[in-house]
Amino acid sequence: MLKRDLTRMLNQVKRLSNRITEASDGLSKGAELLALNCETAKDEVKEYFRRYYRELKKREEMFIEEIETFQASETRLMRNLRDVLEIESSNMSEGSAFLEAALKGEREVQDSELVKLKHVFSEGLEYLRNFQVTNLSAAYRLVLPILFEHFIHIILQNYGKMVTSYW
């Protein structure tokens, strides 16, 4: 009877031990699939960030180009304005010297010319009274808030949705 019980138990162990082998094989296949899935996920993440970086690089180049265009335009405008103001200053100096010479009697001037000069100088005074240097200070405009790293996400959101392209 002992032998029969042992034989029966041995047969059951042999039959049930197959489950352990199948579970072991299943775990091996699962580990292989897990490794494959993880590698695929890593590749997808790398590809996503590569595309995202490419789009960020395009945006960076676009921002830099816009700043350079702004700088060139403002520089040109400031130079032109400076030239105009230098001409105005020269005209005022020459006009002042002419009037001063006329008032001192160093230069002969008709009364009609003095009336014209009075009109020109009154307009010039009005211009000088209304002239404001703050309107000229384009150089003080804030152009570089995008350089602050903690604002870059806000600027990108306000600039538009970033689209990564699948080639």
C-alpha atoms as a PDB file:
ATOM      1  CA  MET A   1       0.000   0.000   0.000  1.00  0.00           C
ATOM      2  CA  LEU A   2       2.862   2.379   0.730  1.00  0.00           C
ATOM      3  CA  LYS A   3       4.367   1.644  -2.666  1.00  0.00           C
ATOM      4  CA  ARG A   4       1.055   2.279  -4.341  1.00  0.00           C
ATOM      5  CA  ASP A   5       0.643   5.606  -2.504  1.00  0.00           C
ATOM      6  CA  LEU A   6       4.176   6.613  -3.402  1.00  0.00           C
ATOM      7  CA  THR A   7       3.628   5.622  -7.052  1.00  0.00           C
ATOM      8  CA  ARG A   8       0.430   7.614  -7.185  1.00  0.00           C
ATOM      9  CA  MET A   9       2.132  10.631  -5.581  1.00  0.00           C
ATOM     10  CA  LEU A  10       5.070  10.320  -7.971  1.00  0.00           C
ATOM     11  CA  ASN A  11       2.713  10.302 -10.970  1.00  0.00           C
ATOM     12  CA  GLN A  12       0.899  13.351  -9.600  1.00  0.00           C
ATOM     13  CA  VAL A  13       4.202  15.190  -9.030  1.00  0.00           C
ATOM     14  CA  LYS A  14       5.336  14.370 -12.592  1.00  0.00           C
ATOM     15  CA  ARG A  15       2.013  15.489 -14.022  1.00  0.00           C
ATOM     16  CA  LEU A  16       1.854  18.692 -11.917  1.00  0.00           C
ATOM     17  CA  SER A  17       5.534  19.585 -12.307  1.00  0.00           C
ATOM     18  CA  ASN A  18       4.684  20.343 -15.924  1.00  0.00           C
ATOM     19  CA  ARG A  19       2.876  23.437 -14.636  1.00  0.00           C
ATOM     20  CA  ILE A  20       6.106  24.774 -13.165  1.00  0.00           C
ATOM     21  CA  THR A  21       7.928  24.187 -16.451  1.00  0.00           C
ATOM     22  CA  GLU A  22       5.140  25.945 -18.388  1.00  0.00           C
ATOM     23  CA  ALA A  23       5.151  28.854 -15.909  1.00  0.00           C
ATOM     24  CA  SER A  24       8.929  29.121 -16.211  1.00  0.00           C
ATOM     25  CA  ASP A  25       8.695  29.122 -20.019  1.00  0.00           C
ATOM     26  CA  GLY A  26       5.910  31.712 -19.838  1.00  0.00           C
ATOM     27  CA  LEU A  27       8.036  33.938 -17.613  1.00  0.00           C
ATOM     28  CA  SER A  28      10.963  33.609 -20.018  1.00  0.00           C
ATOM     29  CA  LYS A  29       8.746  34.643 -22.936  1.00  0.00           C
ATOM     30  CA  GLY A  30       7.259  37.435 -20.813  1.00  0.00           C
ATOM     31  CA  ALA A  31      10.733  38.717 -19.951  1.00  0.00           C
ATOM     32  CA  GLU A  32      11.679  38.698 -23.650  1.00  0.00           C
ATOM     33  CA  LEU A  33       8.468  40.559 -24.573  1.00  0.00           C
ATOM     34  CA  LEU A  34       9.047  43.018 -21.732  1.00  0.00           C
ATOM     35  CA  ALA A  35      12.577  43.708 -22.975  1.00  0.00           C
ATOM     36  CA  LEU A  36      11.291  44.158 -26.543  1.00  0.00           C
ATOM     37  CA  ASN A  37       8.484  46.478 -25.405  1.00  0.00           C
ATOM     38  CA  CYS A  38      10.878  48.528 -23.281  1.00  0.00           C
ATOM     39  CA  GLU A  39      13.346  48.898 -26.167  1.00  0.00           C
ATOM     40  CA  THR A  40      10.499  49.964 -28.460  1.00  0.00           C
ATOM     41  CA  ALA A  41       9.306  52.477 -25.859  1.00  0.00           C
ATOM     42  CA  LYS A  42      12.849  53.851 -25.463  1.00  0.00           C
ATOM     43  CA  ASP A  43      13.180  54.249 -29.229  1.00  0.00           C
ATOM     44  CA  GLU A  44       9.818  56.036 -29.407  1.00  0.00           C
ATOM     45  CA  VAL A  45      10.817  58.389 -26.581  1.00  0.00           C
ATOM     46  CA  LYS A  46      14.140  59.139 -28.286  1.00  0.00           C
ATOM     47  CA  GLU A  47      12.357  59.799 -31.595  1.00  0.00           C
ATOM     48  CA  TYR A  48       9.772  62.020 -29.917  1.00  0.00           C
ATOM     49  CA  PHE A  49      12.410  64.131 -28.209  1.00  0.00           C
ATOM     50  CA  ARG A  50      14.516  64.281 -31.368  1.00  0.00           C
ATOM     51  CA  ARG A  51      11.527  65.708 -33.251  1.00  0.00           C
ATOM     52  CA  TYR A  52      10.665  67.994 -30.352  1.00  0.00           C
ATOM     53  CA  TYR A  53      14.261  69.251 -30.219  1.00  0.00           C
ATOM     54  CA  ARG A  54      14.208  69.836 -33.974  1.00  0.00           C
ATOM     55  CA  GLU A  55      11.034  71.941 -33.617  1.00  0.00           C
ATOM     56  CA  LEU A  56      12.524  73.829 -30.671  1.00  0.00           C
ATOM     57  CA  LYS A  57      15.631  74.511 -32.746  1.00  0.00           C
ATOM     58  CA  LYS A  58      13.445  75.876 -35.572  1.00  0.00           C
ATOM     59  CA  ARG A  59      11.626  78.116 -33.085  1.00  0.00           C
ATOM     60  CA  GLU A  60      14.936  79.275 -31.631  1.00  0.00           C
ATOM     61  CA  GLU A  61      16.217  80.189 -35.087  1.00  0.00           C
ATOM     62  CA  MET A  62      12.947  81.972 -35.863  1.00  0.00           C
ATOM     63  CA  PHE A  63      13.083  84.005 -32.619  1.00  0.00           C
ATOM     64  CA  ILE A  64      16.711  84.924 -33.248  1.00  0.00           C
ATOM     65  CA  GLU A  65      15.907  85.929 -36.823  1.00  0.00           C
ATOM     66  CA  GLU A  66      13.001  88.091 -35.623  1.00  0.00           C
ATOM     67  CA  ILE A  67      15.223  89.786 -33.046  1.00  0.00           C
ATOM     68  CA  GLU A  68      17.921  90.404 -35.649  1.00  0.00           C
ATOM     69  CA  THR A  69      15.328  91.833 -38.053  1.00  0.00           C
ATOM     70  CA  PHE A  70      13.962  94.043 -35.280  1.00  0.00           C
ATOM     71  CA  GLN A  71      17.464  95.188 -34.382  1.00  0.00           C
ATOM     72  CA  ALA A  72      18.351  96.001 -37.998  1.00  0.00           C
ATOM     73  CA  SER A  73      15.096  97.888 -38.520  1.00  0.00           C
ATOM     74  CA  GLU A  74      15.331  99.850 -35.272  1.00  0.00           C
ATOM     75  CA  THR A  75      19.016 100.608 -35.856  1.00  0.00           C
ATOM     76  CA  ARG A  76      18.244 101.936 -39.320  1.00  0.00           C
ATOM     77  CA  LEU A  77      15.383 104.059 -37.962  1.00  0.00           C
ATOM     78  CA  MET A  78      17.536 105.385 -35.132  1.00  0.00           C
ATOM     79  CA  ARG A  79      20.351 106.303 -37.539  1.00  0.00           C
ATOM     80  CA  ASN A  80      17.913 108.090 -39.833  1.00  0.00           C
ATOM     81  CA  LEU A  81      16.372 109.929 -36.900  1.00  0.00           C
ATOM     82  CA  ARG A  82      19.822 110.844 -35.588  1.00  0.00           C
ATOM     83  CA  ASP A  83      20.759 112.237 -39.018  1.00  0.00           C
ATOM     84  CA  VAL A  84      17.545 114.268 -39.160  1.00  0.00           C
ATOM     85  CA  LEU A  85      18.137 115.598 -35.640  1.00  0.00           C
ATOM     86  CA  GLU A  86      21.724 116.524 -36.513  1.00  0.00           C
ATOM     87  CA  ILE A  87      20.447 118.456 -39.538  1.00  0.00           C
ATOM     88  CA  GLU A  88      17.838 120.163 -37.327  1.00  0.00           C
ATOM     89  CA  SER A  89      20.511 121.053 -34.792  1.00  0.00           C
ATOM     90  CA  SER A  90      22.760 122.424 -37.517  1.00  0.00           C
ATOM     91  CA  ASN A  91      19.896 124.475 -38.979  1.00  0.00           C
ATOM     92  CA  MET A  92      19.056 125.864 -35.529  1.00  0.00           C
ATOM     93  CA  SER A  93      22.688 126.791 -34.881  1.00  0.00           C
ATOM     94  CA  GLU A  94      23.000 128.502 -38.253  1.00  0.00           C
ATOM     95  CA  GLY A  95      19.674 130.306 -37.795  1.00  0.00           C
ATOM     96  CA  SER A  96      20.652 131.416 -34.292  1.00  0.00           C
ATOM     97  CA  ALA A  97      24.036 132.676 -35.522  1.00  0.00           C
ATOM     98  CA  PHE A  98      22.346 134.527 -38.403  1.00  0.00           C
ATOM     99  CA  LEU A  99      19.771 136.173 -36.108  1.00  0.00           C
ATOM    100  CA  GLU A 100      22.404 137.018 -33.508  1.00  0.00           C
ATOM    101  CA  ALA A 101      24.558 138.682 -36.173  1.00  0.00           C
ATOM    102  CA  ALA A 102      21.513 140.592 -37.455  1.00  0.00           C
ATOM    103  CA  LEU A 103      20.553 141.758 -33.959  1.00  0.00           C
ATOM    104  CA  LYS A 104      24.116 142.926 -33.229  1.00  0.00           C
ATOM    105  CA  GLY A 105      24.163 144.826 -36.500  1.00  0.00           C
ATOM    106  CA  GLU A 106      26.930 142.690 -37.984  1.00  0.00           C
ATOM    107  CA  ARG A 107      24.658 141.724 -40.853  1.00  0.00           C
ATOM    108  CA  GLU A 108      22.178 143.827 -42.757  1.00  0.00           C
ATOM    109  CA  VAL A 109      18.670 142.360 -42.756  1.00  0.00           C
ATOM    110  CA  GLN A 110      15.428 143.772 -44.156  1.00  0.00           C
ATOM    111  CA  ASP A 111      12.458 144.156 -41.815  1.00  0.00           C
ATOM    112  CA  SER A 112      10.464 141.670 -43.905  1.00  0.00           C
ATOM    113  CA  GLU A 113      13.217 139.093 -43.345  1.00  0.00           C
ATOM    114  CA  LEU A 114      13.105 139.783 -39.609  1.00  0.00           C
ATOM    115  CA  VAL A 115       9.341 139.139 -39.632  1.00  0.00           C
ATOM    116  CA  LYS A 116       9.953 135.829 -41.429  1.00  0.00           C
ATOM    117  CA  LEU A 117      12.698 134.944 -38.937  1.00  0.00           C
ATOM    118  CA  LYS A 118      10.367 135.769 -36.038  1.00  0.00           C
ATOM    119  CA  HIS A 119       7.745 133.418 -37.516  1.00  0.00           C
ATOM    120  CA  VAL A 120      10.345 130.664 -38.103  1.00  0.00           C
ATOM    121  CA  PHE A 121      11.752 131.043 -34.583  1.00  0.00           C
ATOM    122  CA  SER A 122       8.284 130.953 -32.987  1.00  0.00           C
ATOM    123  CA  GLU A 123       7.560 127.683 -34.832  1.00  0.00           C
ATOM    124  CA  GLY A 124      10.996 126.400 -33.785  1.00  0.00           C
ATOM    125  CA  LEU A 125      10.287 127.258 -30.151  1.00  0.00           C
ATOM    126  CA  GLU A 126       6.960 125.430 -30.316  1.00  0.00           C
ATOM    127  CA  TYR A 127       8.763 122.401 -31.774  1.00  0.00           C
ATOM    128  CA  LEU A 128      11.429 122.506 -29.045  1.00  0.00           C
ATOM    129  CA  ARG A 129       8.833 122.858 -26.280  1.00  0.00           C
ATOM    130  CA  ASN A 130       6.960 119.783 -27.527  1.00  0.00           C
ATOM    131  CA  PHE A 131      10.086 117.771 -28.293  1.00  0.00           C
ATOM    132  CA  GLN A 132      10.470 114.751 -25.985  1.00  0.00           C
ATOM    133  CA  VAL A 133      13.586 112.646 -25.817  1.00  0.00           C
ATOM    134  CA  THR A 134      11.651 109.667 -24.392  1.00  0.00           C
ATOM    135  CA  ASN A 135      10.042 109.101 -27.783  1.00  0.00           C
ATOM    136  CA  LEU A 136      13.484 108.443 -29.208  1.00  0.00           C
ATOM    137  CA  SER A 137      14.587 105.805 -26.731  1.00  0.00           C
ATOM    138  CA  ALA A 138      13.775 102.701 -28.755  1.00  0.00           C
ATOM    139  CA  ALA A 139      16.946 101.165 -27.384  1.00  0.00           C
ATOM    140  CA  TYR A 140      15.284 100.915 -23.979  1.00  0.00           C
ATOM    141  CA  ARG A 141      12.493  98.696 -25.233  1.00  0.00           C
ATOM    142  CA  LEU A 142      12.534  95.276 -23.642  1.00  0.00           C
ATOM    143  CA  VAL A 143      13.355  92.814 -26.361  1.00  0.00           C
ATOM    144  CA  LEU A 144      14.832  89.924 -24.429  1.00  0.00           C
ATOM    145  CA  PRO A 145      12.234  88.501 -22.040  1.00  0.00           C
ATOM    146  CA  ILE A 146      12.574  85.196 -23.890  1.00  0.00           C
ATOM    147  CA  LEU A 147      16.029  84.721 -22.413  1.00  0.00           C
ATOM    148  CA  PHE A 148      14.617  84.104 -18.962  1.00  0.00           C
ATOM    149  CA  GLU A 149      14.321  80.333 -18.719  1.00  0.00           C
ATOM    150  CA  HIS A 150      11.303  80.348 -16.412  1.00  0.00           C
ATOM    151  CA  PHE A 151       9.301  82.326 -19.022  1.00  0.00           C
ATOM    152  CA  ILE A 152      10.139  80.180 -22.058  1.00  0.00           C
ATOM    153  CA  HIS A 153       7.143  77.853 -21.644  1.00  0.00           C
ATOM    154  CA  ILE A 154       4.764  80.834 -21.396  1.00  0.00           C
ATOM    155  CA  ILE A 155       6.275  82.433 -24.475  1.00  0.00           C
ATOM    156  CA  LEU A 156       6.004  79.197 -26.435  1.00  0.00           C
ATOM    157  CA  GLN A 157       2.373  78.825 -25.372  1.00  0.00           C
ATOM    158  CA  ASN A 158       1.612  82.381 -26.443  1.00  0.00           C
ATOM    159  CA  TYR A 159       3.536  81.990 -29.680  1.00  0.00           C
ATOM    160  CA  GLY A 160       1.478  79.051 -30.853  1.00  0.00           C
ATOM    161  CA  LYS A 161       1.179  75.323 -30.632  1.00  0.00           C
ATOM    162  CA  MET A 162       4.338  73.456 -31.419  1.00  0.00           C
ATOM    163  CA  VAL A 163       3.791  70.664 -33.921  1.00  0.00           C
ATOM    164  CA  THR A 164       6.280  67.882 -34.293  1.00  0.00           C
ATOM    165  CA  SER A 165       6.246  66.451 -37.752  1.00  0.00           C
ATOM    166  CA  TYR A 166       6.523  62.826 -38.700  1.00  0.00           C
ATOM    167  CA  TRP A 167       8.677  62.609 -41.782  1.00  0.00           C
END
